[in-house]
Amino acid sequence: MNLGAMFRFSAGPNPGGLLGQVQVATDHSSGPTHGNVYVLASVGPIASDPLDVVFSRSTDGGLTFSTPVRINDDPAGTDAWQWFGTMSVAPGGRIDVIWNDTRNSGVENLSELYYSYSYDAGITWSANVPISPMFDSHVGWPQQNKLGDYYDMISDNAGASLAWAATFNGEQDVYFLRIVADCNENGIPDQTDISDGTSDDCNANNLPDECEPDEDCNDNGVQDICDIGSGASDDVNGNGIPDECECTTEPVFPPAGTGGLRNRYLPLVPENAGLQTALRVTPVSVPDGFESLEGKHFWVGEPRSITELAGQDDDTPPVFTGANLSCAPHYADWGALGRVHVFDDEIVPGATYKVQAIIDGCPLDFEPNFSGPSYVVTAALWGDVTGDFYGGQWTGPNGRIDFLDITAVVEKFRNLPSAPSKVRVDLAGGDPDAIVDFTDISVCVDAFRGFAYPYGVPDDCP
């Protein structure tokens, strides 16, 4: 990968050794930056500076990397050396970076340890601050040929622990330094803010809540990280977003040109192939006598294949996929099934139904989890299965019931090649029986004679 310049060695502050090694770290946080790959190095020359600390990140698992950014914030062209850049990532996602810096001395062999951090995956960085006294990296030269790159850092949510080399004792030694996090920059360590009650820490990760994302996707007045930390919201995929906020899926569409099929069925074309979803059906406008159905929720039950000629449930050859309504959700890869015809007592003539999808595992009591609604309208008259027979095809319902409708049902009963599809004429029974027989003919005749819808109002789901 291209970091904008080359690595250097045996120059400036370290005449006999490296000026830094490539640092690679990954983000193991539970937030949206989980899985990011970060690369940091001291490279140069960049412009007139002999060495700068640069950072690049990948959000696609290392396939591509961002343009490197310069972390040291001294003015370009000061001829300062920023060397031995070292990086680590806290469990909460904070990136910590330290390096040796000659900006304040103006001399290549006199350095201070500097620190900067980022809470937004390396997009922005805190102001650089020195965190050590100045030291001479040439102490012992030429007998001691180099300052060893014994630098290693491990971050936790309260700060970072650093092992590093310096020459404060007139020789090279390895030191330990605890770098304390102060995310709100109030001059008080974050852990002190939390222990004193100055800052809350709802998810007990040693990071004050005011330093965490303040998103409230479910609009309950509580930070998402607090919903997850308290167990009020699940976060199954560990991305820091409550599951109820990322469950919305594509809607369910009625197929175009299927008005004639809506006499007995709700024809649907579910989207979301590859996802396990459930389909919810809600009557939103019903004819007189069925007011108790309005606003009630029902679910599409287990799908089944129905054949045209034999009249029985069968897998060979399936002509259409049908499903009863149910009081409990049935999760399936509905998008892989194509058109589905839904039937039951609750499918009444002249009614409008709202159909929505929800992904398996999403809470059913949070409305934003459901897809946008699609609306399906059934044929206005029970038994109005056709309008005409023209050019060898039965046309859609025409808003009246006459002998042509009865003829269409009789032709299907006789399995004539010119008969319309079963989904138009299987009229009998609160649960269509996948058979066209005398009962279906009788229902159509009753409708022709002006009899009311032949089935009572169904019971509500418990």
Protein backbone atom coordinates (compact mmCIF):
# COMPACT_ATOMS: atom_id res chain seq x y z
CA MET A 1 0.00 0.00 0.00
CA ASN A 2 1.10 3.59 -0.60
CA LEU A 3 1.65 5.68 2.52
CA GLY A 4 2.87 8.69 0.57
CA ALA A 5 6.58 8.33 1.39
CA MET A 6 9.27 5.80 2.30
CA PHE A 7 10.43 4.26 5.56
CA ARG A 8 13.78 5.58 6.74
CA PHE A 9 16.66 4.25 8.84
CA SER A 10 20.12 5.29 10.02
CA ALA A 11 19.35 9.00 9.89
CA GLY A 12 18.49 11.97 12.10
CA PRO A 13 17.53 10.98 15.64
CA ASN A 14 18.61 7.34 15.22
CA PRO A 15 21.84 7.19 13.19
CA GLY A 16 22.30 3.42 13.53
CA GLY A 17 18.75 2.09 13.55
CA LEU A 18 15.22 2.20 12.25
CA LEU A 19 13.04 5.29 12.55
CA GLY A 20 9.87 3.28 13.00
CA GLN A 21 8.07 0.12 12.03
CA VAL A 22 4.70 -0.35 10.34
CA GLN A 23 1.89 -0.62 12.87
CA VAL A 24 -1.26 -2.56 11.98
CA ALA A 25 -4.31 -2.84 14.26
CA THR A 26 -7.91 -3.91 13.90
CA ASP A 27 -11.04 -2.55 15.52
CA HIS A 28 -12.72 -5.06 17.85
CA SER A 29 -15.35 -2.66 19.18
CA SER A 30 -19.04 -3.50 19.13
CA GLY A 31 -19.89 -0.38 17.14
CA PRO A 32 -20.18 0.35 13.41
CA THR A 33 -16.37 0.56 13.08
CA HIS A 34 -15.98 -3.10 14.04
CA GLY A 35 -13.62 -4.84 11.64
CA ASN A 36 -11.82 -1.72 10.41
CA VAL A 37 -8.13 -2.21 9.65
CA TYR A 38 -5.74 0.62 10.61
CA VAL A 39 -2.16 1.21 9.42
CA LEU A 40 0.26 3.72 10.96
CA ALA A 41 3.90 4.50 10.20
CA SER A 42 6.57 7.17 10.42
CA VAL A 43 7.50 7.96 6.81
CA GLY A 44 9.32 10.68 4.92
CA PRO A 45 10.39 12.94 3.59
CA ILE A 46 7.00 14.58 3.03
CA ALA A 47 7.40 18.04 1.51
CA SER A 48 10.36 19.51 3.45
CA ASP A 49 9.77 17.51 6.64
CA PRO A 50 12.15 14.58 7.12
CA LEU A 51 9.61 12.33 8.85
CA ASP A 52 5.85 12.47 9.69
CA VAL A 53 3.42 10.09 11.32
CA VAL A 54 0.75 9.05 8.80
CA PHE A 55 -2.42 6.96 9.17
CA SER A 56 -4.62 5.05 6.72
CA ARG A 57 -7.70 2.93 7.29
CA SER A 58 -9.72 0.24 5.55
CA THR A 59 -13.43 -0.26 6.08
CA ASP A 60 -13.69 -3.30 3.78
CA GLY A 61 -11.40 -5.77 5.51
CA GLY A 62 -8.19 -4.55 3.89
CA LEU A 63 -9.30 -4.62 0.26
CA THR A 64 -8.86 -0.85 -0.09
CA PHE A 65 -7.29 1.84 2.09
CA SER A 66 -7.93 5.55 2.52
CA THR A 67 -5.51 8.26 1.45
CA PRO A 68 -2.95 8.61 4.28
CA VAL A 69 -3.46 11.53 6.67
CA ARG A 70 -0.78 13.29 8.71
CA ILE A 71 -1.38 12.97 12.48
CA ASN A 72 1.34 15.26 13.83
CA ASP A 73 -0.14 18.77 13.80
CA ASP A 74 3.00 20.90 13.78
CA PRO A 75 3.21 23.24 10.76
CA ALA A 76 4.61 21.58 7.66
CA GLY A 77 8.13 22.67 6.79
CA THR A 78 9.49 22.92 10.36
CA ASP A 79 12.07 20.23 9.65
CA ALA A 80 10.90 18.26 12.72
CA TRP A 81 11.30 14.51 13.05
CA GLN A 82 8.23 12.50 14.14
CA TRP A 83 9.63 9.01 14.59
CA PHE A 84 8.81 5.64 16.15
CA GLY A 85 5.05 6.08 15.54
CA THR A 86 3.15 3.46 17.59
CA MET A 87 -0.58 2.66 17.62
CA SER A 88 -3.15 0.58 19.51
CA VAL A 89 -6.96 0.41 19.58
CA ALA A 90 -9.16 0.32 22.68
CA PRO A 91 -12.07 -2.14 23.00
CA GLY A 92 -14.46 0.80 22.59
CA GLY A 93 -12.87 1.80 19.27
CA ARG A 94 -10.63 4.69 20.38
CA ILE A 95 -7.33 4.79 18.46
CA ASP A 96 -4.25 5.81 20.47
CA VAL A 97 -1.04 6.96 18.79
CA ILE A 98 2.33 8.01 20.27
CA TRP A 99 5.64 9.02 18.68
CA ASN A 100 8.92 10.78 19.43
CA ASP A 101 8.93 14.41 18.27
CA THR A 102 11.71 17.02 17.88
CA ARG A 103 9.42 20.00 17.13
CA ASN A 104 10.14 21.85 20.40
CA SER A 105 13.92 21.39 20.37
CA GLY A 106 14.64 22.06 16.73
CA VAL A 107 17.46 19.54 17.12
CA GLU A 108 17.31 16.08 15.59
CA ASN A 109 18.59 14.26 18.69
CA LEU A 110 16.34 15.92 21.33
CA SER A 111 12.83 14.44 21.39
CA GLU A 112 9.70 14.40 23.51
CA LEU A 113 7.05 11.70 23.52
CA TYR A 114 3.80 12.98 21.94
CA TYR A 115 0.24 11.60 22.04
CA SER A 116 -2.94 11.93 19.98
CA TYR A 117 -6.17 9.95 19.82
CA SER A 118 -9.24 9.53 17.63
CA TYR A 119 -12.77 8.54 18.63
CA ASP A 120 -14.16 8.43 15.08
CA ALA A 121 -12.07 5.72 13.42
CA GLY A 122 -9.27 8.09 12.43
CA ILE A 123 -11.34 10.72 10.65
CA THR A 124 -10.37 13.42 13.17
CA TRP A 125 -7.56 13.52 15.72
CA SER A 126 -7.08 15.29 19.03
CA ALA A 127 -4.54 18.08 19.41
CA ASN A 128 -1.02 16.68 19.85
CA VAL A 129 0.29 16.89 23.43
CA PRO A 130 3.77 16.10 24.83
CA ILE A 131 3.62 13.49 27.59
CA SER A 132 7.30 13.10 28.55
CA PRO A 133 10.34 15.22 29.32
CA MET A 134 12.85 15.78 26.54
CA PHE A 135 15.58 13.18 26.06
CA ASP A 136 18.68 12.78 23.91
CA SER A 137 18.40 9.83 21.54
CA HIS A 138 22.13 10.07 20.71
CA VAL A 139 23.30 9.29 24.25
CA GLY A 140 26.07 6.68 24.00
CA TRP A 141 26.77 7.33 20.32
CA PRO A 142 28.88 5.95 18.68
CA GLN A 143 29.35 3.02 21.12
CA GLN A 144 25.59 2.68 21.33
CA ASN A 145 24.67 2.66 17.65
CA LYS A 146 20.94 3.21 17.99
CA LEU A 147 17.93 3.70 20.21
CA GLY A 148 16.12 0.37 20.09
CA ASP A 149 12.54 0.36 18.85
CA TYR A 150 11.25 -1.31 22.02
CA TYR A 151 7.90 0.42 21.75
CA ASP A 152 4.64 -1.38 22.36
CA MET A 153 1.24 -0.10 23.49
CA ILE A 154 -2.01 -1.75 24.59
CA SER A 155 -5.20 0.29 24.93
CA ASP A 156 -8.20 -0.21 27.19
CA ASN A 157 -11.22 2.02 27.47
CA ALA A 158 -9.70 3.99 30.35
CA GLY A 159 -6.40 4.72 28.62
CA ALA A 160 -3.29 3.08 27.21
CA SER A 161 -0.27 1.26 28.65
CA LEU A 162 3.02 1.99 26.88
CA ALA A 163 6.47 0.38 27.07
CA TRP A 164 9.08 2.57 25.39
CA ALA A 165 12.80 3.37 25.26
CA ALA A 166 14.41 6.66 26.37
CA THR A 167 17.68 7.93 27.88
CA PHE A 168 16.64 9.85 31.01
CA ASN A 169 19.31 8.02 33.08
CA GLY A 170 22.19 8.78 30.72
CA GLU A 171 21.74 5.39 29.06
CA GLN A 172 19.11 3.55 27.15
CA ASP A 173 16.35 2.12 29.37
CA VAL A 174 12.87 0.74 28.80
CA TYR A 175 10.14 2.68 30.61
CA PHE A 176 6.47 2.15 31.37
CA LEU A 177 3.96 4.96 30.97
CA ARG A 178 0.25 4.91 31.71
CA ILE A 179 -1.61 7.29 29.37
CA VAL A 180 -4.91 8.30 30.92
CA ALA A 181 -7.91 8.89 28.67
CA ASP A 182 -9.73 12.22 28.98
CA CYS A 183 -12.29 12.06 26.19
CA ASN A 184 -14.26 15.12 27.32
CA GLU A 185 -11.02 17.11 27.69
CA ASN A 186 -11.98 18.54 31.07
CA GLY A 187 -8.55 17.87 32.56
CA ILE A 188 -9.88 14.98 34.66
CA PRO A 189 -9.26 11.31 33.82
CA ASP A 190 -12.34 9.60 32.45
CA GLN A 191 -12.25 6.99 35.21
CA THR A 192 -12.31 9.77 37.83
CA ASP A 193 -15.25 11.44 36.10
CA ILE A 194 -17.11 8.13 36.26
CA SER A 195 -16.16 7.19 39.83
CA ASP A 196 -17.03 10.70 41.09
CA GLY A 197 -20.39 10.62 39.31
CA THR A 198 -19.49 13.61 37.14
CA SER A 199 -20.04 11.39 34.09
CA ASP A 200 -22.35 8.43 33.58
CA ASP A 201 -21.13 5.14 32.13
CA CYS A 202 -24.31 3.21 31.31
CA ASN A 203 -22.56 0.31 29.58
CA ALA A 204 -19.68 0.03 32.08
CA ASN A 205 -16.93 0.33 29.46
CA ASN A 206 -14.97 3.06 31.30
CA LEU A 207 -15.92 5.58 28.63
CA PRO A 208 -18.13 8.50 29.75
CA ASP A 209 -21.48 8.45 28.00
CA GLU A 210 -21.03 11.99 26.69
CA CYS A 211 -18.06 10.72 24.64
CA GLU A 212 -20.09 7.96 23.00
CA PRO A 213 -22.44 8.35 20.01
CA ASP A 214 -25.65 10.03 21.14
CA GLU A 215 -27.87 8.30 18.59
CA ASP A 216 -31.33 7.30 19.81
CA CYS A 217 -32.64 5.32 16.85
CA ASN A 218 -35.73 4.02 18.64
CA ASP A 219 -36.67 7.50 19.92
CA ASN A 220 -37.12 6.39 23.52
CA GLY A 221 -35.04 9.20 25.00
CA VAL A 222 -32.13 6.88 25.87
CA GLN A 223 -28.79 6.60 24.06
CA ASP A 224 -28.60 3.46 21.97
CA ILE A 225 -25.43 2.39 23.78
CA CYS A 226 -27.36 2.58 27.07
CA ASP A 227 -30.28 0.55 25.68
CA ILE A 228 -27.80 -2.14 24.68
CA GLY A 229 -25.75 -1.92 27.87
CA SER A 230 -28.81 -2.27 30.10
CA GLY A 231 -30.25 -5.16 28.10
CA ALA A 232 -33.30 -3.13 27.07
CA SER A 233 -32.26 -3.67 23.43
CA ASP A 234 -30.51 -6.61 21.82
CA ASP A 235 -27.48 -6.14 19.58
CA VAL A 236 -27.03 -9.58 18.09
CA ASN A 237 -24.50 -8.55 15.45
CA GLY A 238 -22.51 -6.40 17.88
CA ASN A 239 -22.47 -3.27 15.73
CA GLY A 240 -23.69 -0.89 18.43
CA ILE A 241 -27.12 -0.42 16.85
CA PRO A 242 -30.19 -1.82 18.66
CA ASP A 243 -31.62 -4.66 16.65
CA GLU A 244 -35.05 -3.06 16.54
CA CYS A 245 -33.55 -0.18 14.55
CA GLU A 246 -32.13 -2.25 11.73
CA CYS A 247 -34.89 -4.75 11.09
CA THR A 248 -36.85 -2.86 8.45
CA THR A 249 -36.94 -4.74 5.18
CA GLU A 250 -38.39 -4.35 1.71
CA PRO A 251 -42.19 -4.23 1.38
CA VAL A 252 -44.43 -6.87 -0.15
CA PHE A 253 -45.99 -5.99 -3.47
CA PRO A 254 -49.24 -7.10 -5.12
CA PRO A 255 -48.40 -8.32 -8.62
CA ALA A 256 -49.66 -6.18 -11.46
CA GLY A 257 -52.54 -7.37 -13.59
CA THR A 258 -54.01 -9.85 -11.11
CA GLY A 259 -57.37 -8.26 -10.43
CA GLY A 260 -59.15 -11.46 -11.47
CA LEU A 261 -57.26 -13.50 -8.91
CA ARG A 262 -58.35 -11.38 -5.99
CA ASN A 263 -61.83 -12.82 -5.65
CA ARG A 264 -60.74 -15.45 -3.18
CA TYR A 265 -57.07 -14.73 -2.60
CA LEU A 266 -54.65 -11.96 -1.81
CA PRO A 267 -51.89 -12.31 -4.44
CA LEU A 268 -48.52 -11.12 -3.12
CA VAL A 269 -44.98 -10.93 -4.46
CA PRO A 270 -42.66 -10.88 -1.41
CA GLU A 271 -39.25 -9.27 -1.85
CA ASN A 272 -36.13 -9.92 0.30
CA ALA A 273 -34.95 -13.16 -1.28
CA GLY A 274 -32.42 -14.85 0.98
CA LEU A 275 -33.91 -13.43 4.19
CA GLN A 276 -36.14 -15.28 6.64
CA THR A 277 -39.16 -13.00 7.00
CA ALA A 278 -42.76 -13.14 8.18
CA LEU A 279 -45.68 -11.46 6.40
CA ARG A 280 -48.34 -9.58 8.37
CA VAL A 281 -51.81 -8.93 6.90
CA THR A 282 -54.06 -6.21 8.35
CA PRO A 283 -57.58 -5.42 7.04
CA VAL A 284 -57.77 -1.63 6.86
CA SER A 285 -61.06 -1.14 5.02
CA VAL A 286 -63.87 -3.71 5.07
CA PRO A 287 -67.51 -3.84 3.90
CA ASP A 288 -70.46 -3.59 6.25
CA GLY A 289 -70.79 -6.54 8.58
CA PHE A 290 -67.07 -7.12 8.92
CA GLU A 291 -66.06 -4.11 10.99
CA SER A 292 -64.58 -6.31 13.71
CA LEU A 293 -61.81 -7.33 11.30
CA GLU A 294 -60.58 -3.81 10.70
CA GLY A 295 -57.14 -3.14 12.18
CA LYS A 296 -56.62 -6.73 13.35
CA HIS A 297 -53.26 -8.32 12.61
CA PHE A 298 -52.98 -11.74 10.97
CA TRP A 299 -49.96 -13.64 9.65
CA VAL A 300 -49.38 -15.59 6.46
CA GLY A 301 -48.95 -19.23 7.43
CA GLU A 302 -46.81 -21.97 5.96
CA PRO A 303 -46.83 -21.93 2.13
CA ARG A 304 -47.89 -24.92 0.07
CA SER A 305 -47.91 -25.82 -3.63
CA ILE A 306 -51.31 -26.42 -5.26
CA THR A 307 -51.84 -28.16 -8.60
CA GLU A 308 -54.35 -27.14 -11.24
CA LEU A 309 -55.88 -30.36 -12.51
CA ALA A 310 -55.72 -32.96 -9.74
CA GLY A 311 -57.17 -30.51 -7.25
CA GLN A 312 -55.00 -31.76 -4.40
CA ASP A 313 -51.98 -30.39 -2.57
CA ASP A 314 -48.97 -31.70 -4.46
CA ASP A 315 -45.42 -30.77 -5.34
CA THR A 316 -45.67 -31.84 -9.01
CA PRO A 317 -46.49 -29.87 -10.97
CA PRO A 318 -47.13 -26.82 -8.76
CA VAL A 319 -49.26 -24.20 -10.44
CA PHE A 320 -49.44 -21.68 -7.65
CA THR A 321 -48.23 -21.24 -4.08
CA GLY A 322 -50.95 -20.75 -1.50
CA ALA A 323 -51.00 -20.12 2.24
CA ASN A 324 -53.59 -19.78 4.99
CA LEU A 325 -53.70 -16.89 7.39
CA SER A 326 -52.49 -17.69 10.88
CA CYS A 327 -52.38 -16.16 14.33
CA ALA A 328 -48.62 -16.70 14.60
CA PRO A 329 -45.85 -15.54 12.24
CA HIS A 330 -44.32 -18.08 9.89
CA TYR A 331 -40.76 -17.21 8.87
CA ALA A 332 -39.63 -18.33 5.44
CA ASP A 333 -37.59 -17.17 2.49
CA TRP A 334 -40.72 -15.73 0.93
CA GLY A 335 -38.74 -13.83 -1.67
CA ALA A 336 -37.63 -17.12 -3.23
CA LEU A 337 -41.23 -18.30 -3.75
CA GLY A 338 -42.42 -15.71 -6.25
CA ARG A 339 -46.15 -15.04 -6.25
CA VAL A 340 -48.04 -16.29 -3.18
CA HIS A 341 -51.85 -16.45 -2.92
CA VAL A 342 -53.14 -15.97 0.63
CA PHE A 343 -56.59 -17.25 1.60
CA ASP A 344 -58.85 -17.69 4.63
CA ASP A 345 -62.12 -16.52 6.24
CA GLU A 346 -60.59 -13.11 6.78
CA ILE A 347 -60.23 -12.56 3.02
CA VAL A 348 -63.60 -11.03 2.23
CA PRO A 349 -64.88 -9.35 -0.95
CA GLY A 350 -64.53 -5.61 -1.34
CA ALA A 351 -61.91 -5.22 1.42
CA THR A 352 -58.50 -3.54 1.46
CA TYR A 353 -55.56 -5.26 3.16
CA LYS A 354 -52.23 -3.82 4.29
CA VAL A 355 -49.34 -6.27 3.95
CA GLN A 356 -45.92 -5.84 5.59
CA ALA A 357 -42.76 -7.91 6.12
CA ILE A 358 -40.49 -8.29 9.14
CA ILE A 359 -37.13 -10.06 9.47
CA ASP A 360 -36.78 -13.10 11.73
CA GLY A 361 -35.41 -12.12 15.14
CA CYS A 362 -36.77 -8.58 15.09
CA PRO A 363 -39.15 -7.61 17.95
CA LEU A 364 -42.75 -7.74 16.77
CA ASP A 365 -43.93 -5.00 19.14
CA PHE A 366 -41.85 -2.21 17.53
CA GLU A 367 -43.67 -0.88 14.45
CA PRO A 368 -40.58 0.63 12.73
CA ASN A 369 -39.28 -2.94 12.38
CA PHE A 370 -41.95 -3.64 9.77
CA SER A 371 -41.51 -2.81 6.11
CA GLY A 372 -43.48 -0.10 4.41
CA PRO A 373 -47.03 -1.23 3.63
CA SER A 374 -48.41 -2.53 0.37
CA TYR A 375 -52.17 -2.48 -0.18
CA VAL A 376 -54.22 -5.20 -1.88
CA VAL A 377 -57.93 -4.94 -2.70
CA THR A 378 -60.16 -7.99 -3.21
CA ALA A 379 -62.82 -8.21 -5.92
CA ALA A 380 -65.94 -6.28 -4.97
CA LEU A 381 -68.37 -9.22 -5.33
CA TRP A 382 -68.11 -12.74 -4.02
CA GLY A 383 -68.37 -15.09 -7.00
CA ASP A 384 -67.41 -12.46 -9.60
CA VAL A 385 -64.67 -14.61 -11.12
CA THR A 386 -64.61 -13.31 -14.69
CA GLY A 387 -65.88 -10.69 -17.07
CA ASP A 388 -65.87 -12.42 -20.44
CA PHE A 389 -64.33 -15.21 -22.51
CA TYR A 390 -62.44 -13.63 -25.37
CA GLY A 391 -59.74 -14.99 -27.66
CA GLY A 392 -59.47 -18.18 -25.62
CA GLN A 393 -58.85 -16.25 -22.37
CA TRP A 394 -61.12 -15.45 -19.45
CA THR A 395 -60.94 -11.75 -18.60
CA GLY A 396 -60.90 -10.26 -15.11
CA PRO A 397 -63.98 -9.60 -12.95
CA ASN A 398 -66.31 -6.97 -14.32
CA GLY A 399 -68.20 -6.00 -11.18
CA ARG A 400 -71.26 -8.20 -11.74
CA ILE A 401 -72.13 -11.89 -11.38
CA ASP A 402 -73.81 -13.59 -14.32
CA PHE A 403 -73.93 -16.87 -16.21
CA LEU A 404 -70.38 -16.35 -17.50
CA ASP A 405 -69.08 -16.57 -13.94
CA ILE A 406 -71.02 -19.78 -13.33
CA THR A 407 -69.78 -21.14 -16.68
CA ALA A 408 -66.17 -20.42 -15.73
CA VAL A 409 -66.52 -22.42 -12.50
CA VAL A 410 -68.25 -25.30 -14.32
CA GLU A 411 -65.47 -25.43 -16.94
CA LYS A 412 -62.87 -25.69 -14.20
CA PHE A 413 -64.91 -28.42 -12.51
CA ARG A 414 -64.83 -30.34 -15.81
CA ASN A 415 -61.06 -29.63 -16.22
CA LEU A 416 -61.60 -28.25 -19.70
CA PRO A 417 -58.47 -26.80 -21.35
CA SER A 418 -60.27 -23.48 -21.75
CA ALA A 419 -61.07 -23.26 -18.02
CA PRO A 420 -59.73 -20.30 -16.00
CA SER A 421 -57.15 -20.82 -13.31
CA LYS A 422 -58.14 -22.45 -10.05
CA VAL A 423 -57.22 -19.39 -8.03
CA ARG A 424 -60.24 -17.66 -9.54
CA VAL A 425 -62.87 -20.32 -9.04
CA ASP A 426 -62.03 -22.31 -5.88
CA LEU A 427 -64.63 -20.36 -3.92
CA ALA A 428 -65.99 -22.69 -1.28
CA GLY A 429 -64.95 -22.99 2.31
CA GLY A 430 -63.34 -20.55 4.68
CA ASP A 431 -60.15 -22.40 3.80
CA PRO A 432 -60.15 -23.17 0.07
CA ASP A 433 -59.76 -26.90 -0.36
CA ALA A 434 -57.75 -26.77 -3.61
CA ILE A 435 -60.57 -28.70 -5.30
CA VAL A 436 -63.17 -27.28 -7.68
CA ASP A 437 -66.41 -29.21 -7.21
CA PHE A 438 -70.18 -28.76 -6.84
CA THR A 439 -69.72 -26.69 -3.70
CA ASP A 440 -67.82 -24.06 -5.65
CA ILE A 441 -70.52 -24.06 -8.35
CA SER A 442 -73.18 -23.68 -5.67
CA VAL A 443 -71.40 -20.74 -4.07
CA CYS A 444 -71.22 -19.00 -7.44
CA VAL A 445 -74.89 -19.71 -8.14
CA ASP A 446 -75.84 -18.35 -4.70
CA ALA A 447 -73.86 -15.20 -5.41
CA PHE A 448 -75.65 -14.88 -8.78
CA ARG A 449 -78.99 -15.17 -6.96
CA GLY A 450 -78.00 -12.33 -4.61
CA PHE A 451 -77.22 -14.35 -1.51
CA ALA A 452 -74.91 -12.70 0.98
CA TYR A 453 -71.29 -13.66 1.55
CA PRO A 454 -71.60 -17.29 2.66
CA TYR A 455 -69.17 -17.28 5.60
CA GLY A 456 -69.47 -15.67 8.98
CA VAL A 457 -67.06 -13.24 10.61
CA PRO A 458 -64.07 -15.25 11.85
CA ASP A 459 -62.85 -15.25 15.43
CA ASP A 460 -60.04 -12.89 16.39
CA CYS A 461 -56.57 -14.20 17.04
CA PRO A 462 -55.83 -14.52 20.77
